[in-house]
Amino acid sequence: KSFAKKLLDDGYDVLMIREDSDVQLDNIARTVIANNKADCHIAIHFDS
């Protein structure tokens, strides 16, 4: 959310894959939506 806000303020459009605690989109769906509606795709994680 912080990244998205900074991107929007800097002039980028943002495809927010998940903006709540749950979204019913698996990893394939997330990637395919990004493929068709965005110019790049960044998934945010932390290692275990």
All heavy atoms as atom14 arrays in JSON, in Angstrom:
{
  "sequence": "KSFAKKLLDDGYDVLMIREDSDVQLDNIARTVIANNKADCHIAIHFDS",
  "atom14_mask": [
    [1, 1, 1, 1, 1, 1, 1, 1, 1, 0, 0, 0, 0, 0],
    [1, 1, 1, 1, 1, 1, 0, 0, 0, 0, 0, 0, 0, 0],
    [1, 1, 1, 1, 1, 1, 1, 1, 1, 1, 1, 0, 0, 0],
    [1, 1, 1, 1, 1, 0, 0, 0, 0, 0, 0, 0, 0, 0],
    [1, 1, 1, 1, 1, 1, 1, 1, 1, 0, 0, 0, 0, 0],
    [1, 1, 1, 1, 1, 1, 1, 1, 1, 0, 0, 0, 0, 0],
    [1, 1, 1, 1, 1, 1, 1, 1, 0, 0, 0, 0, 0, 0],
    [1, 1, 1, 1, 1, 1, 1, 1, 0, 0, 0, 0, 0, 0],
    [1, 1, 1, 1, 1, 1, 1, 1, 0, 0, 0, 0, 0, 0],
    [1, 1, 1, 1, 1, 1, 1, 1, 0, 0, 0, 0, 0, 0],
    [1, 1, 1, 1, 0, 0, 0, 0, 0, 0, 0, 0, 0, 0],
    [1, 1, 1, 1, 1, 1, 1, 1, 1, 1, 1, 1, 0, 0],
    [1, 1, 1, 1, 1, 1, 1, 1, 0, 0, 0, 0, 0, 0],
    [1, 1, 1, 1, 1, 1, 1, 0, 0, 0, 0, 0, 0, 0],
    [1, 1, 1, 1, 1, 1, 1, 1, 0, 0, 0, 0, 0, 0],
    [1, 1, 1, 1, 1, 1, 1, 1, 0, 0, 0, 0, 0, 0],
    [1, 1, 1, 1, 1, 1, 1, 1, 0, 0, 0, 0, 0, 0],
    [1, 1, 1, 1, 1, 1, 1, 1, 1, 1, 1, 0, 0, 0],
    [1, 1, 1, 1, 1, 1, 1, 1, 1, 0, 0, 0, 0, 0],
    [1, 1, 1, 1, 1, 1, 1, 1, 0, 0, 0, 0, 0, 0],
    [1, 1, 1, 1, 1, 1, 0, 0, 0, 0, 0, 0, 0, 0],
    [1, 1, 1, 1, 1, 1, 1, 1, 0, 0, 0, 0, 0, 0],
    [1, 1, 1, 1, 1, 1, 1, 0, 0, 0, 0, 0, 0, 0],
    [1, 1, 1, 1, 1, 1, 1, 1, 1, 0, 0, 0, 0, 0],
    [1, 1, 1, 1, 1, 1, 1, 1, 0, 0, 0, 0, 0, 0],
    [1, 1, 1, 1, 1, 1, 1, 1, 0, 0, 0, 0, 0, 0],
    [1, 1, 1, 1, 1, 1, 1, 1, 0, 0, 0, 0, 0, 0],
    [1, 1, 1, 1, 1, 1, 1, 1, 0, 0, 0, 0, 0, 0],
    [1, 1, 1, 1, 1, 0, 0, 0, 0, 0, 0, 0, 0, 0],
    [1, 1, 1, 1, 1, 1, 1, 1, 1, 1, 1, 0, 0, 0],
    [1, 1, 1, 1, 1, 1, 1, 0, 0, 0, 0, 0, 0, 0],
    [1, 1, 1, 1, 1, 1, 1, 0, 0, 0, 0, 0, 0, 0],
    [1, 1, 1, 1, 1, 1, 1, 1, 0, 0, 0, 0, 0, 0],
    [1, 1, 1, 1, 1, 0, 0, 0, 0, 0, 0, 0, 0, 0],
    [1, 1, 1, 1, 1, 1, 1, 1, 0, 0, 0, 0, 0, 0],
    [1, 1, 1, 1, 1, 1, 1, 1, 0, 0, 0, 0, 0, 0],
    [1, 1, 1, 1, 1, 1, 1, 1, 1, 0, 0, 0, 0, 0],
    [1, 1, 1, 1, 1, 0, 0, 0, 0, 0, 0, 0, 0, 0],
    [1, 1, 1, 1, 1, 1, 1, 1, 0, 0, 0, 0, 0, 0],
    [1, 1, 1, 1, 1, 1, 0, 0, 0, 0, 0, 0, 0, 0],
    [1, 1, 1, 1, 1, 1, 1, 1, 1, 1, 0, 0, 0, 0],
    [1, 1, 1, 1, 1, 1, 1, 1, 0, 0, 0, 0, 0, 0],
    [1, 1, 1, 1, 1, 0, 0, 0, 0, 0, 0, 0, 0, 0],
    [1, 1, 1, 1, 1, 1, 1, 1, 0, 0, 0, 0, 0, 0],
    [1, 1, 1, 1, 1, 1, 1, 1, 1, 1, 0, 0, 0, 0],
    [1, 1, 1, 1, 1, 1, 1, 1, 1, 1, 1, 0, 0, 0],
    [1, 1, 1, 1, 1, 1, 1, 1, 0, 0, 0, 0, 0, 0],
    [1, 1, 1, 1, 1, 1, 0, 0, 0, 0, 0, 0, 0, 0]
  ],
  "atom14_positions": [
    [[0.83, -1.22, 0.0], [0.0, 0.0, 0.0], [0.85, 1.26, 0.0], [0.55, 2.24, -0.7], [-0.96, -0.03, 1.19], [-2.09, -1.03, 1.02], [-3.27, -0.7, 1.9], [-4.49, -1.51, 1.48], [-5.71, -1.12, 2.21], [0.0, 0.0, 0.0], [0.0, 0.0, 0.0], [0.0, 0.0, 0.0], [0.0, 0.0, 0.0], [0.0, 0.0, 0.0]],
    [[1.93, 1.24, 0.78], [2.83, 2.39, 0.78], [3.49, 2.56, -0.59], [3.57, 3.68, -1.13], [3.9, 2.2, 1.86], [4.8, 3.29, 1.88], [0.0, 0.0, 0.0], [0.0, 0.0, 0.0], [0.0, 0.0, 0.0], [0.0, 0.0, 0.0], [0.0, 0.0, 0.0], [0.0, 0.0, 0.0], [0.0, 0.0, 0.0], [0.0, 0.0, 0.0]],
    [[3.94, 1.47, -1.17], [4.56, 1.48, -2.5], [3.58, 1.99, -3.55], [3.92, 2.84, -4.39], [5.04, 0.07, -2.81], [5.76, -0.11, -4.12], [6.54, 0.9, -4.68], [5.69, -1.33, -4.79], [7.22, 0.71, -5.89], [6.36, -1.53, -5.99], [7.11, -0.51, -6.54], [0.0, 0.0, 0.0], [0.0, 0.0, 0.0], [0.0, 0.0, 0.0]],
    [[2.35, 1.49, -3.52], [1.34, 1.9, -4.49], [1.08, 3.4, -4.41], [0.99, 4.08, -5.44], [0.04, 1.13, -4.26], [0.0, 0.0, 0.0], [0.0, 0.0, 0.0], [0.0, 0.0, 0.0], [0.0, 0.0, 0.0], [0.0, 0.0, 0.0], [0.0, 0.0, 0.0], [0.0, 0.0, 0.0], [0.0, 0.0, 0.0], [0.0, 0.0, 0.0]],
    [[0.97, 3.92, -3.2], [0.71, 5.36, -3.02], [1.87, 6.18, -3.58], [1.66, 7.19, -4.27], [0.52, 5.66, -1.53], [0.25, 7.14, -1.21], [-1.06, 7.62, -1.8], [-1.53, 8.93, -1.16], [-0.55, 10.03, -1.26], [0.0, 0.0, 0.0], [0.0, 0.0, 0.0], [0.0, 0.0, 0.0], [0.0, 0.0, 0.0], [0.0, 0.0, 0.0]],
    [[3.09, 5.74, -3.33], [4.25, 6.47, -3.83], [4.31, 6.41, -5.36], [4.66, 7.4, -6.01], [5.53, 5.9, -3.21], [5.63, 6.11, -1.7], [6.89, 5.5, -1.12], [6.85, 5.47, 0.4], [6.69, 6.8, 1.0], [0.0, 0.0, 0.0], [0.0, 0.0, 0.0], [0.0, 0.0, 0.0], [0.0, 0.0, 0.0], [0.0, 0.0, 0.0]],
    [[3.99, 5.26, -5.93], [3.96, 5.13, -7.38], [2.92, 6.08, -8.0], [3.21, 6.78, -8.98], [3.63, 3.69, -7.77], [4.73, 2.65, -7.62], [4.14, 1.24, -7.69], [5.81, 2.81, -8.69], [0.0, 0.0, 0.0], [0.0, 0.0, 0.0], [0.0, 0.0, 0.0], [0.0, 0.0, 0.0], [0.0, 0.0, 0.0], [0.0, 0.0, 0.0]],
    [[1.73, 6.09, -7.44], [0.66, 6.95, -7.96], [1.04, 8.42, -7.86], [0.81, 9.19, -8.8], [-0.64, 6.66, -7.21], [-1.3, 5.32, -7.54], [-2.29, 4.93, -6.44], [-2.02, 5.4, -8.88], [0.0, 0.0, 0.0], [0.0, 0.0, 0.0], [0.0, 0.0, 0.0], [0.0, 0.0, 0.0], [0.0, 0.0, 0.0], [0.0, 0.0, 0.0]],
    [[1.61, 8.82, -6.73], [2.03, 10.21, -6.56], [3.14, 10.59, -7.52], [3.32, 11.77, -7.86], [2.51, 10.43, -5.12], [1.37, 10.44, -4.11], [0.21, 10.59, -4.53], [1.65, 10.3, -2.91], [0.0, 0.0, 0.0], [0.0, 0.0, 0.0], [0.0, 0.0, 0.0], [0.0, 0.0, 0.0], [0.0, 0.0, 0.0], [0.0, 0.0, 0.0]],
    [[3.9, 9.58, -8.0], [5.01, 9.84, -8.92], [4.59, 9.7, -10.38], [5.43, 9.83, -11.28], [6.16, 8.86, -8.62], [7.51, 9.41, -9.04], [7.76, 10.62, -8.84], [8.31, 8.63, -9.58], [0.0, 0.0, 0.0], [0.0, 0.0, 0.0], [0.0, 0.0, 0.0], [0.0, 0.0, 0.0], [0.0, 0.0, 0.0], [0.0, 0.0, 0.0]],
    [[3.31, 9.41, -10.64], [2.81, 9.4, -12.01], [2.6, 8.04, -12.64], [2.2, 7.95, -13.8], [0.0, 0.0, 0.0], [0.0, 0.0, 0.0], [0.0, 0.0, 0.0], [0.0, 0.0, 0.0], [0.0, 0.0, 0.0], [0.0, 0.0, 0.0], [0.0, 0.0, 0.0], [0.0, 0.0, 0.0], [0.0, 0.0, 0.0], [0.0, 0.0, 0.0]],
    [[2.88, 6.95, -11.9], [2.61, 5.61, -12.41], [1.16, 5.23, -12.11], [0.59, 5.65, -11.09], [3.51, 4.58, -11.73], [4.98, 4.73, -12.03], [5.81, 5.48, -11.18], [5.56, 4.12, -13.13], [7.16, 5.62, -11.45], [6.92, 4.25, -13.39], [7.71, 5.01, -12.55], [9.05, 5.15, -12.81], [0.0, 0.0, 0.0], [0.0, 0.0, 0.0]],
    [[0.56, 4.44, -12.97], [-0.69, 3.76, -12.63], [-0.33, 2.47, -11.89], [0.76, 1.93, -12.07], [-1.51, 3.45, -13.88], [-1.98, 4.71, -14.59], [-2.08, 5.77, -13.94], [-2.23, 4.64, -15.82], [0.0, 0.0, 0.0], [0.0, 0.0, 0.0], [0.0, 0.0, 0.0], [0.0, 0.0, 0.0], [0.0, 0.0, 0.0], [0.0, 0.0, 0.0]],
    [[-1.25, 1.98, -11.07], [-0.97, 0.81, -10.24], [-2.08, -0.22, -10.35], [-3.26, 0.09, -10.15], [-0.8, 1.21, -8.75], [-0.66, -0.04, -7.87], [0.42, 2.12, -8.57], [0.0, 0.0, 0.0], [0.0, 0.0, 0.0], [0.0, 0.0, 0.0], [0.0, 0.0, 0.0], [0.0, 0.0, 0.0], [0.0, 0.0, 0.0], [0.0, 0.0, 0.0]],
    [[-1.69, -1.44, -10.7], [-2.6, -2.57, -10.64], [-2.39, -3.24, -9.3], [-1.39, -3.94, -9.1], [-2.33, -3.56, -11.78], [-3.23, -4.79, -11.82], [-4.67, -4.42, -12.14], [-2.69, -5.81, -12.83], [0.0, 0.0, 0.0], [0.0, 0.0, 0.0], [0.0, 0.0, 0.0], [0.0, 0.0, 0.0], [0.0, 0.0, 0.0], [0.0, 0.0, 0.0]],
    [[-3.29, -3.0, -8.36], [-3.16, -3.53, -7.0], [-3.8, -4.91, -6.98], [-5.02, -5.06, -7.04], [-3.86, -2.59, -6.02], [-3.48, -2.82, -4.57], [-1.82, -2.25, -4.26], [-1.8, -2.33, -2.47], [0.0, 0.0, 0.0], [0.0, 0.0, 0.0], [0.0, 0.0, 0.0], [0.0, 0.0, 0.0], [0.0, 0.0, 0.0], [0.0, 0.0, 0.0]],
    [[-2.96, -5.94, -6.89], [-3.47, -7.31, -6.94], [-4.26, -7.65, -5.68], [-5.31, -8.31, -5.76], [-2.31, -8.3, -7.12], [-1.53, -8.02, -8.41], [-2.81, -9.74, -7.08], [-2.33, -8.25, -9.67], [0.0, 0.0, 0.0], [0.0, 0.0, 0.0], [0.0, 0.0, 0.0], [0.0, 0.0, 0.0], [0.0, 0.0, 0.0], [0.0, 0.0, 0.0]],
    [[-3.78, -7.22, -4.54], [-4.49, -7.46, -3.28], [-4.46, -6.18, -2.46], [-3.38, -5.67, -2.17], [-3.83, -8.61, -2.5], [-4.43, -8.84, -1.12], [-3.97, -10.15, -0.51], [-2.6, -10.15, -0.04], [-2.21, -9.81, 1.2], [-3.1, -9.4, 2.1], [-0.94, -9.87, 1.54], [0.0, 0.0, 0.0], [0.0, 0.0, 0.0], [0.0, 0.0, 0.0]],
    [[-5.63, -5.69, -2.03], [-5.66, -4.48, -1.21], [-6.36, -4.72, 0.12], [-6.66, -3.79, 0.85], [-6.33, -3.33, -1.96], [-7.78, -3.57, -2.35], [-8.49, -2.28, -2.72], [-7.84, -1.21, -2.71], [-9.69, -2.34, -2.97], [0.0, 0.0, 0.0], [0.0, 0.0, 0.0], [0.0, 0.0, 0.0], [0.0, 0.0, 0.0], [0.0, 0.0, 0.0]],
    [[-6.59, -5.99, 0.45], [-7.22, -6.35, 1.72], [-6.57, -7.63, 2.23], [-5.65, -8.15, 1.6], [-8.73, -6.55, 1.5], [-9.54, -6.27, 2.76], [-8.96, -6.31, 3.87], [-10.76, -6.03, 2.65], [0.0, 0.0, 0.0], [0.0, 0.0, 0.0], [0.0, 0.0, 0.0], [0.0, 0.0, 0.0], [0.0, 0.0, 0.0], [0.0, 0.0, 0.0]],
    [[-7.07, -8.16, 3.36], [-6.46, -9.34, 3.95], [-6.65, -10.59, 3.1], [-5.9, -11.56, 3.22], [-7.02, -9.59, 5.35], [-8.43, -9.77, 5.29], [0.0, 0.0, 0.0], [0.0, 0.0, 0.0], [0.0, 0.0, 0.0], [0.0, 0.0, 0.0], [0.0, 0.0, 0.0], [0.0, 0.0, 0.0], [0.0, 0.0, 0.0], [0.0, 0.0, 0.0]],
    [[-7.64, -10.58, 2.2], [-7.9, -11.74, 1.36], [-8.28, -11.31, -0.05], [-9.03, -10.35, -0.23], [-9.04, -12.58, 1.94], [-9.43, -13.74, 1.02], [-8.64, -14.69, 0.91], [-10.51, -13.67, 0.41], [0.0, 0.0, 0.0], [0.0, 0.0, 0.0], [0.0, 0.0, 0.0], [0.0, 0.0, 0.0], [0.0, 0.0, 0.0], [0.0, 0.0, 0.0]],
    [[-7.73, -12.01, -1.03], [-8.22, -11.89, -2.4], [-8.23, -13.29, -3.0], [-7.27, -14.04, -2.86], [-7.34, -10.93, -3.25], [-5.94, -11.47, -3.48], [-8.01, -10.63, -4.58], [0.0, 0.0, 0.0], [0.0, 0.0, 0.0], [0.0, 0.0, 0.0], [0.0, 0.0, 0.0], [0.0, 0.0, 0.0], [0.0, 0.0, 0.0], [0.0, 0.0, 0.0]],
    [[-9.33, -13.63, -3.62], [-9.47, -14.97, -4.19], [-8.88, -15.03, -5.6], [-9.56, -15.22, -6.59], [-10.94, -15.39, -4.15], [-11.45, -15.7, -2.75], [-10.72, -16.9, -2.14], [-10.82, -18.01, -2.63], [-9.99, -16.66, -1.06], [0.0, 0.0, 0.0], [0.0, 0.0, 0.0], [0.0, 0.0, 0.0], [0.0, 0.0, 0.0], [0.0, 0.0, 0.0]],
    [[-7.56, -14.87, -5.62], [-6.77, -14.98, -6.86], [-5.53, -15.79, -6.53], [-4.74, -15.39, -5.66], [-6.37, -13.6, -7.37], [-7.49, -12.66, -7.84], [-6.93, -11.27, -8.11], [-8.19, -13.21, -9.08], [0.0, 0.0, 0.0], [0.0, 0.0, 0.0], [0.0, 0.0, 0.0], [0.0, 0.0, 0.0], [0.0, 0.0, 0.0], [0.0, 0.0, 0.0]],
    [[-5.35, -16.92, -7.21], [-4.15, -17.71, -6.96], [-2.96, -17.1, -7.69], [-3.08, -16.08, -8.39], [-4.37, -19.19, -7.31], [-4.73, -19.44, -8.78], [-4.36, -18.61, -9.64], [-5.38, -20.46, -9.06], [0.0, 0.0, 0.0], [0.0, 0.0, 0.0], [0.0, 0.0, 0.0], [0.0, 0.0, 0.0], [0.0, 0.0, 0.0], [0.0, 0.0, 0.0]],
    [[-1.78, -17.71, -7.51], [-0.58, -17.12, -8.08], [-0.62, -17.07, -9.61], [-0.06, -16.15, -10.22], [0.65, -17.9, -7.61], [0.95, -17.66, -6.14], [0.67, -16.6, -5.62], [1.52, -18.66, -5.49], [0.0, 0.0, 0.0], [0.0, 0.0, 0.0], [0.0, 0.0, 0.0], [0.0, 0.0, 0.0], [0.0, 0.0, 0.0], [0.0, 0.0, 0.0]],
    [[-1.28, -18.03, -10.24], [-1.41, -17.99, -11.69], [-2.33, -16.86, -12.11], [-2.02, -16.08, -13.02], [-1.91, -19.35, -12.24], [-0.84, -20.42, -12.01], [-2.23, -19.24, -13.74], [-1.28, -21.83, -12.39], [0.0, 0.0, 0.0], [0.0, 0.0, 0.0], [0.0, 0.0, 0.0], [0.0, 0.0, 0.0], [0.0, 0.0, 0.0], [0.0, 0.0, 0.0]],
    [[-3.48, -16.74, -11.45], [-4.43, -15.66, -11.77], [-3.78, -14.3, -11.59], [-3.93, -13.39, -12.43], [-5.68, -15.78, -10.91], [0.0, 0.0, 0.0], [0.0, 0.0, 0.0], [0.0, 0.0, 0.0], [0.0, 0.0, 0.0], [0.0, 0.0, 0.0], [0.0, 0.0, 0.0], [0.0, 0.0, 0.0], [0.0, 0.0, 0.0], [0.0, 0.0, 0.0]],
    [[-3.05, -14.12, -10.49], [-2.38, -12.85, -10.23], [-1.41, -12.51, -11.37], [-1.36, -11.38, -11.86], [-1.62, -12.9, -8.9], [-2.5, -13.1, -7.68], [-1.68, -13.19, -6.4], [-2.49, -13.58, -5.26], [-2.25, -13.23, -3.99], [-1.2, -12.47, -3.73], [-3.02, -13.63, -3.01], [0.0, 0.0, 0.0], [0.0, 0.0, 0.0], [0.0, 0.0, 0.0]],
    [[-0.65, -13.52, -11.78], [0.35, -13.3, -12.82], [-0.29, -13.03, -14.17], [0.14, -12.12, -14.9], [1.28, -14.52, -12.9], [1.92, -14.71, -11.63], [2.33, -14.36, -13.98], [0.0, 0.0, 0.0], [0.0, 0.0, 0.0], [0.0, 0.0, 0.0], [0.0, 0.0, 0.0], [0.0, 0.0, 0.0], [0.0, 0.0, 0.0], [0.0, 0.0, 0.0]],
    [[-1.33, -13.77, -14.51], [-1.98, -13.58, -15.81], [-2.68, -12.22, -15.89], [-2.65, -11.55, -16.93], [-2.96, -14.74, -16.1], [-3.78, -14.47, -17.35], [-2.2, -16.05, -16.26], [0.0, 0.0, 0.0], [0.0, 0.0, 0.0], [0.0, 0.0, 0.0], [0.0, 0.0, 0.0], [0.0, 0.0, 0.0], [0.0, 0.0, 0.0], [0.0, 0.0, 0.0]],
    [[-3.32, -11.79, -14.8], [-3.92, -10.46, -14.79], [-2.83, -9.4, -14.99], [-3.0, -8.47, -15.79], [-4.69, -10.21, -13.48], [-5.95, -11.08, -13.43], [-5.08, -8.73, -13.35], [-6.68, -11.04, -12.1], [0.0, 0.0, 0.0], [0.0, 0.0, 0.0], [0.0, 0.0, 0.0], [0.0, 0.0, 0.0], [0.0, 0.0, 0.0], [0.0, 0.0, 0.0]],
    [[-1.72, -9.54, -14.29], [-0.61, -8.6, -14.47], [-0.1, -8.62, -15.9], [0.16, -7.56, -16.5], [0.51, -8.93, -13.5], [0.0, 0.0, 0.0], [0.0, 0.0, 0.0], [0.0, 0.0, 0.0], [0.0, 0.0, 0.0], [0.0, 0.0, 0.0], [0.0, 0.0, 0.0], [0.0, 0.0, 0.0], [0.0, 0.0, 0.0], [0.0, 0.0, 0.0]],
    [[0.05, -9.81, -16.48], [0.52, -9.93, -17.87], [-0.32, -9.08, -18.83], [0.21, -8.5, -19.79], [0.43, -11.38, -18.34], [1.47, -12.29, -17.72], [2.44, -11.84, -17.12], [1.25, -13.59, -17.85], [0.0, 0.0, 0.0], [0.0, 0.0, 0.0], [0.0, 0.0, 0.0], [0.0, 0.0, 0.0], [0.0, 0.0, 0.0], [0.0, 0.0, 0.0]],
    [[-1.62, -9.04, -18.58], [-2.55, -8.41, -19.52], [-2.91, -6.97, -19.19], [-3.43, -6.26, -20.05], [-3.83, -9.25, -19.61], [-3.62, -10.53, -20.38], [-3.72, -10.55, -21.6], [-3.31, -11.61, -19.68], [0.0, 0.0, 0.0], [0.0, 0.0, 0.0], [0.0, 0.0, 0.0], [0.0, 0.0, 0.0], [0.0, 0.0, 0.0], [0.0, 0.0, 0.0]],
    [[-2.61, -6.52, -17.96], [-3.06, -5.18, -17.56], [-1.96, -4.3, -17.0], [-2.22, -3.19, -16.53], [-4.18, -5.31, -16.52], [-5.47, -5.92, -17.08], [-6.11, -5.03, -18.13], [-7.39, -5.62, -18.69], [-8.03, -4.72, -19.68], [0.0, 0.0, 0.0], [0.0, 0.0, 0.0], [0.0, 0.0, 0.0], [0.0, 0.0, 0.0], [0.0, 0.0, 0.0]],
    [[-0.72, -4.78, -17.01], [0.38, -3.99, -16.46], [1.61, -4.09, -17.35], [1.68, -4.93, -18.25], [0.71, -4.47, -15.04], [0.0, 0.0, 0.0], [0.0, 0.0, 0.0], [0.0, 0.0, 0.0], [0.0, 0.0, 0.0], [0.0, 0.0, 0.0], [0.0, 0.0, 0.0], [0.0, 0.0, 0.0], [0.0, 0.0, 0.0], [0.0, 0.0, 0.0]],
    [[2.58, -3.23, -17.08], [3.84, -3.22, -17.83], [4.94, -3.97, -17.09], [5.93, -4.38, -17.7], [4.28, -1.78, -18.09], [3.3, -1.04, -18.97], [3.18, -1.4, -20.16], [2.62, -0.12, -18.47], [0.0, 0.0, 0.0], [0.0, 0.0, 0.0], [0.0, 0.0, 0.0], [0.0, 0.0, 0.0], [0.0, 0.0, 0.0], [0.0, 0.0, 0.0]],
    [[4.8, -4.12, -15.77], [5.72, -4.94, -14.99], [4.98, -5.44, -13.76], [3.92, -4.92, -13.41], [7.0, -4.19, -14.62], [6.76, -2.85, -13.42], [0.0, 0.0, 0.0], [0.0, 0.0, 0.0], [0.0, 0.0, 0.0], [0.0, 0.0, 0.0], [0.0, 0.0, 0.0], [0.0, 0.0, 0.0], [0.0, 0.0, 0.0], [0.0, 0.0, 0.0]],
    [[5.55, -6.44, -13.1], [4.87, -7.14, -12.0], [5.87, -7.34, -10.87], [6.9, -7.98, -11.05], [4.35, -8.48, -12.52], [3.71, -9.36, -11.5], [3.38, -10.67, -11.77], [3.33, -9.15, -10.22], [2.83, -11.22, -10.7], [2.79, -10.31, -9.75], [0.0, 0.0, 0.0], [0.0, 0.0, 0.0], [0.0, 0.0, 0.0], [0.0, 0.0, 0.0]],
    [[5.54, -6.79, -9.69], [6.41, -6.92, -8.53], [5.63, -7.56, -7.39], [4.63, -7.01, -6.92], [6.96, -5.56, -8.08], [7.78, -4.94, -9.22], [7.83, -5.71, -6.83], [8.16, -3.51, -8.99], [0.0, 0.0, 0.0], [0.0, 0.0, 0.0], [0.0, 0.0, 0.0], [0.0, 0.0, 0.0], [0.0, 0.0, 0.0], [0.0, 0.0, 0.0]],
    [[6.06, -8.75, -6.97], [5.45, -9.44, -5.84], [6.3, -9.19, -4.6], [7.52, -9.35, -4.64], [5.33, -10.93, -6.11], [0.0, 0.0, 0.0], [0.0, 0.0, 0.0], [0.0, 0.0, 0.0], [0.0, 0.0, 0.0], [0.0, 0.0, 0.0], [0.0, 0.0, 0.0], [0.0, 0.0, 0.0], [0.0, 0.0, 0.0], [0.0, 0.0, 0.0]],
    [[5.66, -8.81, -3.5], [6.35, -8.42, -2.28], [6.26, -9.55, -1.26], [5.18, -10.03, -0.93], [5.74, -7.13, -1.71], [5.98, -5.98, -2.7], [6.31, -6.81, -0.34], [5.2, -4.74, -2.42], [0.0, 0.0, 0.0], [0.0, 0.0, 0.0], [0.0, 0.0, 0.0], [0.0, 0.0, 0.0], [0.0, 0.0, 0.0], [0.0, 0.0, 0.0]],
    [[7.44, -9.96, -0.75], [7.53, -11.06, 0.2], [8.64, -10.81, 1.22], [9.47, -9.91, 1.05], [7.85, -12.37, -0.52], [6.73, -12.92, -1.33], [5.8, -13.81, -0.82], [6.38, -12.73, -2.63], [4.94, -14.14, -1.77], [5.27, -13.49, -2.88], [0.0, 0.0, 0.0], [0.0, 0.0, 0.0], [0.0, 0.0, 0.0], [0.0, 0.0, 0.0]],
    [[8.68, -11.66, 2.26], [9.8, -11.78, 3.17], [10.14, -13.27, 3.27], [9.25, -14.12, 3.21], [9.46, -11.23, 4.56], [9.4, -9.74, 4.64], [8.27, -9.05, 4.17], [10.44, -9.0, 5.17], [8.2, -7.67, 4.23], [10.38, -7.62, 5.23], [9.26, -6.95, 4.77], [0.0, 0.0, 0.0], [0.0, 0.0, 0.0], [0.0, 0.0, 0.0]],
    [[11.43, -13.58, 3.43], [11.89, -14.96, 3.49], [11.59, -15.58, 4.87], [11.33, -14.86, 5.84], [13.39, -14.99, 3.21], [13.91, -16.38, 2.95], [13.29, -17.1, 2.16], [14.94, -16.74, 3.54], [0.0, 0.0, 0.0], [0.0, 0.0, 0.0], [0.0, 0.0, 0.0], [0.0, 0.0, 0.0], [0.0, 0.0, 0.0], [0.0, 0.0, 0.0]],
    [[11.64, -16.91, 4.95], [11.32, -17.61, 6.19], [12.53, -17.87, 7.08], [12.41, -18.49, 8.13], [10.62, -18.94, 5.89], [11.47, -19.76, 5.1], [0.0, 0.0, 0.0], [0.0, 0.0, 0.0], [0.0, 0.0, 0.0], [0.0, 0.0, 0.0], [0.0, 0.0, 0.0], [0.0, 0.0, 0.0], [0.0, 0.0, 0.0], [0.0, 0.0, 0.0]]
  ]
}
